[in-house]
C-alpha atoms as a PDB file:
ATOM      1  CA  MET A   1      79.724  92.445 137.405  1.00  0.00           C
ATOM      2  CA  MET A   2      82.496  90.413 139.010  1.00  0.00           C
ATOM      3  CA  LYS A   3      84.652  92.322 141.515  1.00  0.00           C
ATOM      4  CA  PHE A   4      88.432  92.111 141.026  1.00  0.00           C
ATOM      5  CA  ASN A   5      91.173  92.980 143.497  1.00  0.00           C
ATOM      6  CA  ASN A   6      93.450  95.796 142.353  1.00  0.00           C
ATOM      7  CA  GLY A   7      96.221  93.455 141.270  1.00  0.00           C
ATOM      8  CA  LEU A   8      93.953  91.628 138.833  1.00  0.00           C
ATOM      9  CA  LYS A   9      91.694  94.372 137.506  1.00  0.00           C
ATOM     10  CA  LEU A  10      93.943  95.677 134.768  1.00  0.00           C
ATOM     11  CA  MET A  11      94.844  92.184 133.551  1.00  0.00           C
ATOM     12  CA  PHE A  12      91.175  91.302 133.225  1.00  0.00           C
ATOM     13  CA  LEU A  13      90.427  94.588 131.500  1.00  0.00           C
ATOM     14  CA  MET A  14      93.046  93.960 128.841  1.00  0.00           C
ATOM     15  CA  LEU A  15      92.401  90.257 128.330  1.00  0.00           C
ATOM     16  CA  PHE A  16      88.646  90.011 128.680  1.00  0.00           C
ATOM     17  CA  VAL A  17      86.951  93.301 129.417  1.00  0.00           C
ATOM     18  CA  ALA A  18      83.736  91.966 130.844  1.00  0.00           C
ATOM     19  CA  VAL A  19      82.379  88.795 132.349  1.00  0.00           C
ATOM     20  CA  GLY A  20      79.295  87.245 130.749  1.00  0.00           C
ATOM     21  CA  LEU A  21      79.880  89.097 127.453  1.00  0.00           C
ATOM     22  CA  ASN A  22      78.878  92.427 128.950  1.00  0.00           C
ATOM     23  CA  ALA A  23      81.725  93.569 126.715  1.00  0.00           C
ATOM     24  CA  GLN A  24      80.421  96.983 125.790  1.00  0.00           C
ATOM     25  CA  THR A  25      81.809  99.049 128.689  1.00  0.00           C
ATOM     26  CA  VAL A  26      83.761  98.850 131.937  1.00  0.00           C
ATOM     27  CA  SER A  27      82.594  99.987 135.339  1.00  0.00           C
ATOM     28  CA  LYS A  28      83.339 103.432 136.754  1.00  0.00           C
ATOM     29  CA  GLU A  29      85.483 101.760 139.409  1.00  0.00           C
ATOM     30  CA  GLN A  30      87.618 100.080 136.757  1.00  0.00           C
ATOM     31  CA  MET A  31      87.906 103.320 134.774  1.00  0.00           C
ATOM     32  CA  VAL A  32      89.156 105.184 137.831  1.00  0.00           C
ATOM     33  CA  PHE A  33      91.604 102.351 138.521  1.00  0.00           C
ATOM     34  CA  ILE A  34      93.284 102.482 135.108  1.00  0.00           C
ATOM     35  CA  THR A  35      93.406 106.319 135.072  1.00  0.00           C
ATOM     36  CA  ALA A  36      94.376 106.722 138.716  1.00  0.00           C
ATOM     37  CA  GLN A  37      96.862 109.566 138.141  1.00  0.00           C
ATOM     38  CA  TRP A  38      94.099 111.847 136.879  1.00  0.00           C
ATOM     39  CA  GLN A  39      92.817 113.887 139.832  1.00  0.00           C
ATOM     40  CA  GLY A  40      90.383 116.210 138.053  1.00  0.00           C
ATOM     41  CA  GLU A  41      86.781 116.129 136.891  1.00  0.00           C
ATOM     42  CA  ARG A  42      85.380 112.934 135.369  1.00  0.00           C
ATOM     43  CA  PHE A  43      82.430 111.963 133.214  1.00  0.00           C
ATOM     44  CA  ASP A  44      79.673 109.907 134.814  1.00  0.00           C
ATOM     45  CA  ASP A  45      81.339 106.714 133.522  1.00  0.00           C
ATOM     46  CA  GLY A  46      84.637 107.642 135.205  1.00  0.00           C
ATOM     47  CA  ARG A  47      86.452 108.793 132.072  1.00  0.00           C
ATOM     48  CA  PRO A  48      88.845 111.735 132.727  1.00  0.00           C
ATOM     49  CA  LYS A  49      87.394 115.069 131.611  1.00  0.00           C
ATOM     50  CA  VAL A  50      90.266 117.360 130.708  1.00  0.00           C
ATOM     51  CA  ALA A  51      89.052 120.970 130.670  1.00  0.00           C
ATOM     52  CA  ASP A  52      87.859 122.559 127.438  1.00  0.00           C
ATOM     53  CA  ASP A  53      90.410 125.392 127.665  1.00  0.00           C
ATOM     54  CA  ILE A  54      93.235 122.846 127.728  1.00  0.00           C
ATOM     55  CA  LEU A  55      91.780 121.201 124.614  1.00  0.00           C
ATOM     56  CA  GLU A  56      91.683 124.559 122.854  1.00  0.00           C
ATOM     57  CA  ARG A  57      95.259 125.461 123.822  1.00  0.00           C
ATOM     58  CA  ILE A  58      96.619 122.046 122.875  1.00  0.00           C
ATOM     59  CA  LYS A  59      95.655 122.655 119.247  1.00  0.00           C
ATOM     60  CA  SER A  60      98.753 124.873 118.968  1.00  0.00           C
ATOM     61  CA  VAL A  61     101.098 122.223 120.419  1.00  0.00           C
ATOM     62  CA  THR A  62     103.382 120.557 117.892  1.00  0.00           C
ATOM     63  CA  ILE A  63     103.737 116.794 117.712  1.00  0.00           C
ATOM     64  CA  GLU A  64     107.424 117.166 118.588  1.00  0.00           C
ATOM     65  CA  GLU A  65     106.697 119.260 121.686  1.00  0.00           C
ATOM     66  CA  ALA A  66     104.138 116.763 122.963  1.00  0.00           C
ATOM     67  CA  TRP A  67     106.436 113.840 122.180  1.00  0.00           C
ATOM     68  CA  GLY A  68     109.308 115.480 124.075  1.00  0.00           C
ATOM     69  CA  VAL A  69     107.290 116.087 127.230  1.00  0.00           C
ATOM     70  CA  LEU A  70     105.875 112.556 127.272  1.00  0.00           C
ATOM     71  CA  ARG A  71     109.294 111.058 126.578  1.00  0.00           C
ATOM     72  CA  ASN A  72     110.764 112.941 129.542  1.00  0.00           C
ATOM     73  CA  GLU A  73     107.951 111.591 131.722  1.00  0.00           C
ATOM     74  CA  GLY A  74     108.722 108.005 130.695  1.00  0.00           C
ATOM     75  CA  TYR A  75     105.905 107.586 128.153  1.00  0.00           C
ATOM     76  CA  HIS A  76     107.583 106.050 125.103  1.00  0.00           C
ATOM     77  CA  ASN A  77     104.583 104.482 123.370  1.00  0.00           C
ATOM     78  CA  GLN A  78     102.116 107.298 122.722  1.00  0.00           C
ATOM     79  CA  PHE A  79     102.755 108.179 119.051  1.00  0.00           C
ATOM     80  CA  GLU A  80     101.575 106.478 115.890  1.00  0.00           C
ATOM     81  CA  GLY A  81     102.242 107.534 112.311  1.00  0.00           C
ATOM     82  CA  GLY A  82     101.461 106.123 108.880  1.00  0.00           C
ATOM     83  CA  TRP A  83      97.975 107.607 108.461  1.00  0.00           C
ATOM     84  CA  LYS A  84      95.990 108.618 105.397  1.00  0.00           C
ATOM     85  CA  PRO A  85      94.074 111.619 106.763  1.00  0.00           C
ATOM     86  CA  LEU A  86      91.044 113.093 105.078  1.00  0.00           C
ATOM     87  CA  HIS A  87      92.666 116.543 105.362  1.00  0.00           C
ATOM     88  CA  ASP A  88      96.325 117.434 105.989  1.00  0.00           C
ATOM     89  CA  ASP A  89      95.495 120.823 107.477  1.00  0.00           C
ATOM     90  CA  VAL A  90      92.630 120.104 109.906  1.00  0.00           C
ATOM     91  CA  VAL A  91      93.865 119.399 113.434  1.00  0.00           C
ATOM     92  CA  VAL A  92      91.925 116.910 115.573  1.00  0.00           C
ATOM     93  CA  VAL A  93      92.060 117.420 119.337  1.00  0.00           C
ATOM     94  CA  GLY A  94      89.817 115.881 121.970  1.00  0.00           C
ATOM     95  CA  ARG A  95      89.241 113.280 124.671  1.00  0.00           C
ATOM     96  CA  ALA A  96      89.494 109.689 123.458  1.00  0.00           C
ATOM     97  CA  LEU A  97      86.396 107.524 123.457  1.00  0.00           C
ATOM     98  CA  THR A  98      87.734 104.095 122.546  1.00  0.00           C
ATOM     99  CA  ALA A  99      86.352 101.048 120.777  1.00  0.00           C
ATOM    100  CA  GLN A 100      87.860  97.701 119.865  1.00  0.00           C
ATOM    101  CA  TYR A 101      86.682  95.631 116.908  1.00  0.00           C
ATOM    102  CA  MET A 102      87.739  92.084 116.078  1.00  0.00           C
ATOM    103  CA  PRO A 103      87.177  89.653 113.184  1.00  0.00           C
ATOM    104  CA  ASN A 104      83.614  88.412 113.382  1.00  0.00           C
ATOM    105  CA  ARG A 105      82.775  85.236 115.281  1.00  0.00           C
ATOM    106  CA  PRO A 106      79.024  84.510 115.130  1.00  0.00           C
ATOM    107  CA  ASP A 107      78.583  83.003 118.584  1.00  0.00           C
ATOM    108  CA  VAL A 108      80.219  86.005 120.235  1.00  0.00           C
ATOM    109  CA  SER A 109      78.696  88.702 118.015  1.00  0.00           C
ATOM    110  CA  ASP A 110      75.203  87.245 118.493  1.00  0.00           C
ATOM    111  CA  GLN A 111      75.586  87.523 122.254  1.00  0.00           C
ATOM    112  CA  ILE A 112      76.883  91.080 122.018  1.00  0.00           C
ATOM    113  CA  LEU A 113      73.933  92.078 119.816  1.00  0.00           C
ATOM    114  CA  LYS A 114      71.519  90.446 122.254  1.00  0.00           C
ATOM    115  CA  LYS A 115      73.119  92.228 125.202  1.00  0.00           C
ATOM    116  CA  GLY A 116      73.073  95.523 123.330  1.00  0.00           C
ATOM    117  CA  LYS A 117      69.348  95.251 122.689  1.00  0.00           C
ATOM    118  CA  GLN A 118      68.756  94.502 126.377  1.00  0.00           C
ATOM    119  CA  GLU A 119      70.669  97.675 127.238  1.00  0.00           C
ATOM    120  CA  GLY A 120      68.596  99.727 124.810  1.00  0.00           C
ATOM    121  CA  ARG A 121      71.308 100.250 122.210  1.00  0.00           C
ATOM    122  CA  ILE A 122      70.027 101.219 118.765  1.00  0.00           C
ATOM    123  CA  GLY A 123      71.158 100.122 115.308  1.00  0.00           C
ATOM    124  CA  ASN A 124      74.301  98.276 114.283  1.00  0.00           C
ATOM    125  CA  PRO A 125      77.163  97.989 116.799  1.00  0.00           C
ATOM    126  CA  ASN A 126      79.415 100.343 114.803  1.00  0.00           C
ATOM    127  CA  SER A 127      76.946 103.122 115.668  1.00  0.00           C
ATOM    128  CA  TRP A 128      77.047 102.428 119.425  1.00  0.00           C
ATOM    129  CA  PRO A 129      80.292 104.358 120.083  1.00  0.00           C
ATOM    130  CA  ILE A 130      78.827 107.334 118.207  1.00  0.00           C
ATOM    131  CA  ASP A 131      75.784 107.356 120.487  1.00  0.00           C
ATOM    132  CA  MET A 132      78.147 107.715 123.474  1.00  0.00           C
ATOM    133  CA  LEU A 133      80.109 110.711 122.162  1.00  0.00           C
ATOM    134  CA  GLU A 134      80.187 113.972 124.083  1.00  0.00           C
ATOM    135  CA  ASN A 135      81.221 117.381 122.778  1.00  0.00           C
ATOM    136  CA  GLY A 136      85.024 117.425 122.568  1.00  0.00           C
ATOM    137  CA  ASP A 137      85.417 113.642 122.260  1.00  0.00           C
ATOM    138  CA  VAL A 138      87.435 111.896 119.555  1.00  0.00           C
ATOM    139  CA  TYR A 139      86.236 108.456 118.460  1.00  0.00           C
ATOM    140  CA  VAL A 140      89.340 106.211 118.496  1.00  0.00           C
ATOM    141  CA  ALA A 141      88.897 102.659 117.210  1.00  0.00           C
ATOM    142  CA  ASP A 142      91.124  99.643 116.646  1.00  0.00           C
ATOM    143  CA  ALA A 143      89.771  97.394 113.898  1.00  0.00           C
ATOM    144  CA  PHE A 144      93.018  95.467 113.393  1.00  0.00           C
ATOM    145  CA  GLY A 145      94.036  97.572 110.359  1.00  0.00           C
ATOM    146  CA  LYS A 146      91.315  96.174 108.102  1.00  0.00           C
ATOM    147  CA  ILE A 147      90.905  98.089 104.829  1.00  0.00           C
ATOM    148  CA  VAL A 148      88.630  96.103 102.468  1.00  0.00           C
ATOM    149  CA  ASP A 149      85.298  95.589 104.282  1.00  0.00           C
ATOM    150  CA  GLY A 150      86.802  97.477 107.244  1.00  0.00           C
ATOM    151  CA  THR A 151      85.135 100.849 106.628  1.00  0.00           C
ATOM    152  CA  LEU A 152      83.918 101.897 110.069  1.00  0.00           C
ATOM    153  CA  ILE A 153      82.092 104.979 108.817  1.00  0.00           C
ATOM    154  CA  GLY A 154      80.803 106.705 105.702  1.00  0.00           C
ATOM    155  CA  ASP A 155      79.429 110.215 105.319  1.00  0.00           C
ATOM    156  CA  ASN A 156      76.179 109.515 107.224  1.00  0.00           C
ATOM    157  CA  LEU A 157      77.969 108.360 110.371  1.00  0.00           C
ATOM    158  CA  GLY A 158      80.631 111.023 109.842  1.00  0.00           C
ATOM    159  CA  ASN A 159      77.962 113.719 110.014  1.00  0.00           C
ATOM    160  CA  ALA A 160      76.529 112.125 113.156  1.00  0.00           C
ATOM    161  CA  ILE A 161      79.985 112.044 114.765  1.00  0.00           C
ATOM    162  CA  TYR A 162      80.708 115.681 114.024  1.00  0.00           C
ATOM    163  CA  ALA A 163      77.252 116.780 115.196  1.00  0.00           C
ATOM    164  CA  LYS A 164      77.943 115.225 118.609  1.00  0.00           C
ATOM    165  CA  SER A 165      81.679 115.792 119.094  1.00  0.00           C
ATOM    166  CA  LYS A 166      82.690 118.684 116.799  1.00  0.00           C
ATOM    167  CA  THR A 167      85.998 116.831 116.227  1.00  0.00           C
ATOM    168  CA  GLY A 168      86.865 113.746 114.173  1.00  0.00           C
ATOM    169  CA  VAL A 169      88.056 110.145 114.310  1.00  0.00           C
ATOM    170  CA  VAL A 170      91.215 108.042 114.501  1.00  0.00           C
ATOM    171  CA  PHE A 171      90.718 104.527 113.101  1.00  0.00           C
ATOM    172  CA  ASN A 172      93.147 101.646 112.822  1.00  0.00           C
ATOM    173  CA  ALA A 173      90.891 100.654 109.944  1.00  0.00           C
ATOM    174  CA  SER A 174      89.429 102.332 106.866  1.00  0.00           C
ATOM    175  CA  SER A 175      86.556 104.618 105.946  1.00  0.00           C
ATOM    176  CA  ARG A 176      84.407 105.125 102.870  1.00  0.00           C
ATOM    177  CA  ASP A 177      82.700 108.123 101.215  1.00  0.00           C
ATOM    178  CA  MET A 178      85.778 110.335 101.199  1.00  0.00           C
ATOM    179  CA  GLU A 179      84.032 112.893  99.008  1.00  0.00           C
ATOM    180  CA  GLY A 180      81.039 113.176 101.327  1.00  0.00           C
ATOM    181  CA  LEU A 181      83.144 113.272 104.491  1.00  0.00           C
ATOM    182  CA  SER A 182      85.318 116.030 103.052  1.00  0.00           C
ATOM    183  CA  GLU A 183      82.248 118.278 102.873  1.00  0.00           C
ATOM    184  CA  ILE A 184      81.826 118.248 106.683  1.00  0.00           C
ATOM    185  CA  GLU A 185      83.511 121.513 107.658  1.00  0.00           C
ATOM    186  CA  GLY A 186      85.829 121.043 110.656  1.00  0.00           C
ATOM    187  CA  PHE A 187      85.751 117.232 110.520  1.00  0.00           C
ATOM    188  CA  ASN A 188      88.835 115.096 109.918  1.00  0.00           C
ATOM    189  CA  ALA A 189      89.509 111.359 109.802  1.00  0.00           C
ATOM    190  CA  PHE A 190      92.881 109.721 110.406  1.00  0.00           C
ATOM    191  CA  VAL A 191      92.535 106.259 108.885  1.00  0.00           C
ATOM    192  CA  ARG A 192      94.727 103.512 107.431  1.00  0.00           C
ATOM    193  CA  GLY A 193      93.089 103.707 104.028  1.00  0.00           C
ATOM    194  CA  TRP A 194      89.995 104.494 101.986  1.00  0.00           C
ATOM    195  CA  HIS A 195      87.796 101.922 100.294  1.00  0.00           C
ATOM    196  CA  PRO A 196      84.299 101.867  98.724  1.00  0.00           C
ATOM    197  CA  SER A 197      83.285  98.597 100.430  1.00  0.00           C
ATOM    198  CA  PHE A 198      80.873  98.232 103.355  1.00  0.00           C
ATOM    199  CA  LEU A 199      81.802  97.063 106.848  1.00  0.00           C
ATOM    200  CA  THR A 200      81.459  93.270 107.065  1.00  0.00           C
ATOM    201  CA  GLU A 201      82.854  90.380 109.123  1.00  0.00           C
ATOM    202  CA  VAL A 202      83.777  92.714 111.987  1.00  0.00           C
ATOM    203  CA  MET A 203      82.335  92.723 115.509  1.00  0.00           C
ATOM    204  CA  LEU A 204      82.478  95.332 118.247  1.00  0.00           C
ATOM    205  CA  LEU A 205      84.005  93.740 121.332  1.00  0.00           C
ATOM    206  CA  SER A 206      84.523  96.621 123.752  1.00  0.00           C
ATOM    207  CA  LEU A 207      83.780 100.290 124.401  1.00  0.00           C
ATOM    208  CA  ASN A 208      85.823 102.662 126.555  1.00  0.00           C
ATOM    209  CA  THR A 209      88.544 100.166 127.417  1.00  0.00           C
ATOM    210  CA  PRO A 210      92.326 100.356 126.882  1.00  0.00           C
ATOM    211  CA  ILE A 211      93.173  99.642 123.243  1.00  0.00           C
ATOM    212  CA  ARG A 212      96.264  99.463 121.036  1.00  0.00           C
ATOM    213  CA  ILE A 213      96.601 101.750 118.042  1.00  0.00           C
ATOM    214  CA  GLY A 214      99.704 100.544 116.217  1.00  0.00           C
ATOM    215  CA  ALA A 215     102.626 101.174 118.571  1.00  0.00           C
ATOM    216  CA  ALA A 216     100.568 103.271 121.011  1.00  0.00           C
ATOM    217  CA  THR A 217      98.537 102.369 124.078  1.00  0.00           C
ATOM    218  CA  VAL A 218      95.354 104.433 124.346  1.00  0.00           C
ATOM    219  CA  LEU A 219      93.196 104.839 127.445  1.00  0.00           C
ATOM    220  CA  PRO A 220      89.714 106.369 127.529  1.00  0.00           C
ATOM    221  CA  GLY A 221      90.071 110.076 128.253  1.00  0.00           C
ATOM    222  CA  ASP A 222      93.554 110.389 126.749  1.00  0.00           C
ATOM    223  CA  ILE A 223      93.928 113.606 124.774  1.00  0.00           C
ATOM    224  CA  VAL A 224      94.218 112.984 121.057  1.00  0.00           C
ATOM    225  CA  LEU A 225      96.484 115.379 119.147  1.00  0.00           C
ATOM    226  CA  ALA A 226      96.275 114.474 115.469  1.00  0.00           C
ATOM    227  CA  LYS A 227      98.222 116.437 112.867  1.00  0.00           C
ATOM    228  CA  LYS A 228      99.606 115.522 109.458  1.00  0.00           C
ATOM    229  CA  GLU A 229     102.805 114.097 111.020  1.00  0.00           C
ATOM    230  CA  GLY A 230     100.806 111.577 113.034  1.00  0.00           C
ATOM    231  CA  VAL A 231      98.815 111.134 116.236  1.00  0.00           C
ATOM    232  CA  MET A 232      99.863 111.624 119.863  1.00  0.00           C
ATOM    233  CA  PHE A 233      97.775 110.066 122.639  1.00  0.00           C
ATOM    234  CA  ILE A 234      98.492 112.208 125.701  1.00  0.00           C
ATOM    235  CA  PRO A 235      97.618 110.783 129.141  1.00  0.00           C
ATOM    236  CA  ALA A 236      94.994 113.024 130.735  1.00  0.00           C
ATOM    237  CA  HIS A 237      97.126 113.818 133.778  1.00  0.00           C
ATOM    238  CA  LEU A 238      99.917 115.162 131.543  1.00  0.00           C
ATOM    239  CA  ALA A 239      97.775 117.256 129.196  1.00  0.00           C
ATOM    240  CA  GLU A 240      98.229 120.551 131.061  1.00  0.00           C
ATOM    241  CA  LYS A 241     101.972 119.997 131.406  1.00  0.00           C
ATOM    242  CA  VAL A 242     102.239 119.412 127.652  1.00  0.00           C
ATOM    243  CA  VAL A 243     100.338 122.644 126.979  1.00  0.00           C
ATOM    244  CA  VAL A 244     102.289 124.817 129.425  1.00  0.00           C
ATOM    245  CA  THR A 245     105.648 123.467 128.269  1.00  0.00           C
ATOM    246  CA  SER A 246     104.718 124.073 124.648  1.00  0.00           C
ATOM    247  CA  GLU A 247     103.635 127.651 125.369  1.00  0.00           C
ATOM    248  CA  ILE A 248     106.881 128.437 127.176  1.00  0.00           C
ATOM    249  CA  VAL A 249     108.933 126.995 124.312  1.00  0.00           C
ATOM    250  CA  ARG A 250     106.860 128.981 121.807  1.00  0.00           C
ATOM    251  CA  LEU A 251     107.380 132.244 123.698  1.00  0.00           C
ATOM    252  CA  ARG A 252     111.109 131.700 124.111  1.00  0.00           C
ATOM    253  CA  ASP A 253     111.440 130.903 120.400  1.00  0.00           C
ATOM    254  CA  LEU A 254     109.555 134.066 119.443  1.00  0.00           C
ATOM    255  CA  PHE A 255     111.701 136.167 121.756  1.00  0.00           C
ATOM    256  CA  GLY A 256     114.902 134.619 120.435  1.00  0.00           C
ATOM    257  CA  ILE A 257     113.944 135.151 116.791  1.00  0.00           C
ATOM    258  CA  SER A 258     112.885 138.735 117.516  1.00  0.00           C
ATOM    259  CA  ARG A 259     116.152 139.618 119.219  1.00  0.00           C
ATOM    260  CA  LEU A 260     118.220 137.891 116.517  1.00  0.00           C
ATOM    261  CA  LYS A 261     116.465 139.937 113.838  1.00  0.00           C
ATOM    262  CA  GLU A 262     117.224 143.085 115.807  1.00  0.00           C
ATOM    263  CA  GLY A 263     120.864 142.067 116.104  1.00  0.00           C
ATOM    264  CA  ARG A 264     120.705 142.398 119.873  1.00  0.00           C
ATOM    265  CA  TYR A 265     122.170 138.939 120.519  1.00  0.00           C
ATOM    266  CA  THR A 266     124.263 136.502 118.531  1.00  0.00           C
ATOM    267  CA  PRO A 267     123.042 133.018 117.511  1.00  0.00           C
ATOM    268  CA  GLY A 268     125.515 131.539 119.980  1.00  0.00           C
ATOM    269  CA  GLN A 269     123.943 133.485 122.837  1.00  0.00           C
ATOM    270  CA  ILE A 270     120.394 132.456 121.942  1.00  0.00           C
ATOM    271  CA  ASP A 271     121.169 128.799 121.172  1.00  0.00           C
ATOM    272  CA  ASN A 272     122.979 128.234 124.477  1.00  0.00           C
ATOM    273  CA  LYS A 273     121.797 128.521 128.081  1.00  0.00           C
ATOM    274  CA  TRP A 274     120.624 132.070 128.507  1.00  0.00           C
ATOM    275  CA  THR A 275     122.470 134.420 130.847  1.00  0.00           C
ATOM    276  CA  ASP A 276     120.661 136.228 133.644  1.00  0.00           C
ATOM    277  CA  GLU A 277     120.735 139.347 131.471  1.00  0.00           C
ATOM    278  CA  ILE A 278     118.886 137.606 128.625  1.00  0.00           C
ATOM    279  CA  GLU A 279     116.406 136.059 131.051  1.00  0.00           C
ATOM    280  CA  LYS A 280     115.630 139.516 132.480  1.00  0.00           C
ATOM    281  CA  ASP A 281     115.227 140.843 128.946  1.00  0.00           C
ATOM    282  CA  PHE A 282     112.860 137.952 128.160  1.00  0.00           C
ATOM    283  CA  SER A 283     110.660 138.791 131.183  1.00  0.00           C
ATOM    284  CA  GLN A 284     110.484 142.437 130.149  1.00  0.00           C
ATOM    285  CA  TRP A 285     109.707 141.440 126.560  1.00  0.00           C
ATOM    286  CA  LEU A 286     106.840 139.236 127.774  1.00  0.00           C
ATOM    287  CA  ASN A 287     105.416 142.096 129.799  1.00  0.00           C
ATOM    288  CA  ASP A 288     105.732 144.575 126.919  1.00  0.00           C
ATOM    289  CA  HIS A 289     104.170 142.295 124.271  1.00  0.00           C
ATOM    290  CA  MET A 290     101.626 140.438 126.394  1.00  0.00           C
ATOM    291  CA  ASP A 291      98.603 141.514 124.365  1.00  0.00           C
ATOM    292  CA  GLU A 292     100.012 140.492 121.005  1.00  0.00           C
ATOM    293  CA  LEU A 293     101.566 137.104 121.728  1.00  0.00           C
ATOM    294  CA  PRO A 294      99.941 133.806 120.588  1.00  0.00           C
ATOM    295  CA  VAL A 295      99.470 132.587 124.172  1.00  0.00           C
ATOM    296  CA  PRO A 296      96.559 133.580 126.450  1.00  0.00           C
ATOM    297  CA  LYS A 297      97.347 136.757 128.398  1.00  0.00           C
ATOM    298  CA  GLU A 298      96.453 135.147 131.716  1.00  0.00           C
ATOM    299  CA  GLN A 299      98.928 132.326 131.045  1.00  0.00           C
ATOM    300  CA  ILE A 300     101.735 134.829 130.407  1.00  0.00           C
ATOM    301  CA  GLN A 301     100.847 136.655 133.618  1.00  0.00           C
ATOM    302  CA  GLU A 302     101.016 133.360 135.496  1.00  0.00           C
ATOM    303  CA  LEU A 303     104.384 132.589 133.924  1.00  0.00           C
ATOM    304  CA  LEU A 304     105.772 136.003 134.933  1.00  0.00           C
ATOM    305  CA  LYS A 305     104.680 135.426 138.535  1.00  0.00           C
ATOM    306  CA  LYS A 306     106.837 132.306 138.688  1.00  0.00           C
ATOM    307  CA  ARG A 307     109.934 133.867 137.102  1.00  0.00           C
ATOM    308  CA  THR A 308     112.726 135.194 139.311  1.00  0.00           C
ATOM    309  CA  TRP A 309     114.344 137.419 136.673  1.00  0.00           C
END
């Protein structure tokens, strides 16, 4: 594959992800380049691998908490709403595996199919991203919002996705077989619509490259947090900060509500900057209720170590 200097790599990734129509994936070097702020473990292809315990803890983060942290860090384009989810009450959390689809153009799609066969890919191109899924991945695809004839999956592919990832999908497109998909326990699909048609006149252009989902920019390895309000795409290097901030906010809210119910403090005291006395009370409350709070005990212990009250 052609080598780019650092100043040109990202431009080429976004405009034309591979030379010679090797448009299925990007190199590990390019993946590391576009996710340079991630300093942790990576998959073999270079995609950031946020730890499983962070994924589990992030399920309790609210959309508003995640949005606030990212906003404070300067990330203003990581949320997208307007979905028609399969379920309103099934949270989807995982590492993004991305795909970009475009309106079909025979000369290009023929070359992509030919290249895919040379690389040993099996079946139709809309199954190729599914073959790449790892446990804890979320299949995120941009198919330009197509509804009629834009159904990226039905219940067969949905079962295959859940078997490999144990999560769900986020599609700027549609899906079919709502009834069958709804029978997959634990699976959820955030889509633009539902339609009984089959996928036609669509071609897969890229896999694991930066894509746009509505108003959001999504990189491979971003953490997907999908709830009924919408979907947050959290940069991998900020995932732990989002989790820790959320847990602290959750604990402070629980403490405040508890003390208000007891009549120990007034609303004005709790809703303003806490005094040293309240902060000391909060630390003692954390220590006394450590085993019953909805945050891992070890995380509370770590928080107490850092507190000065």
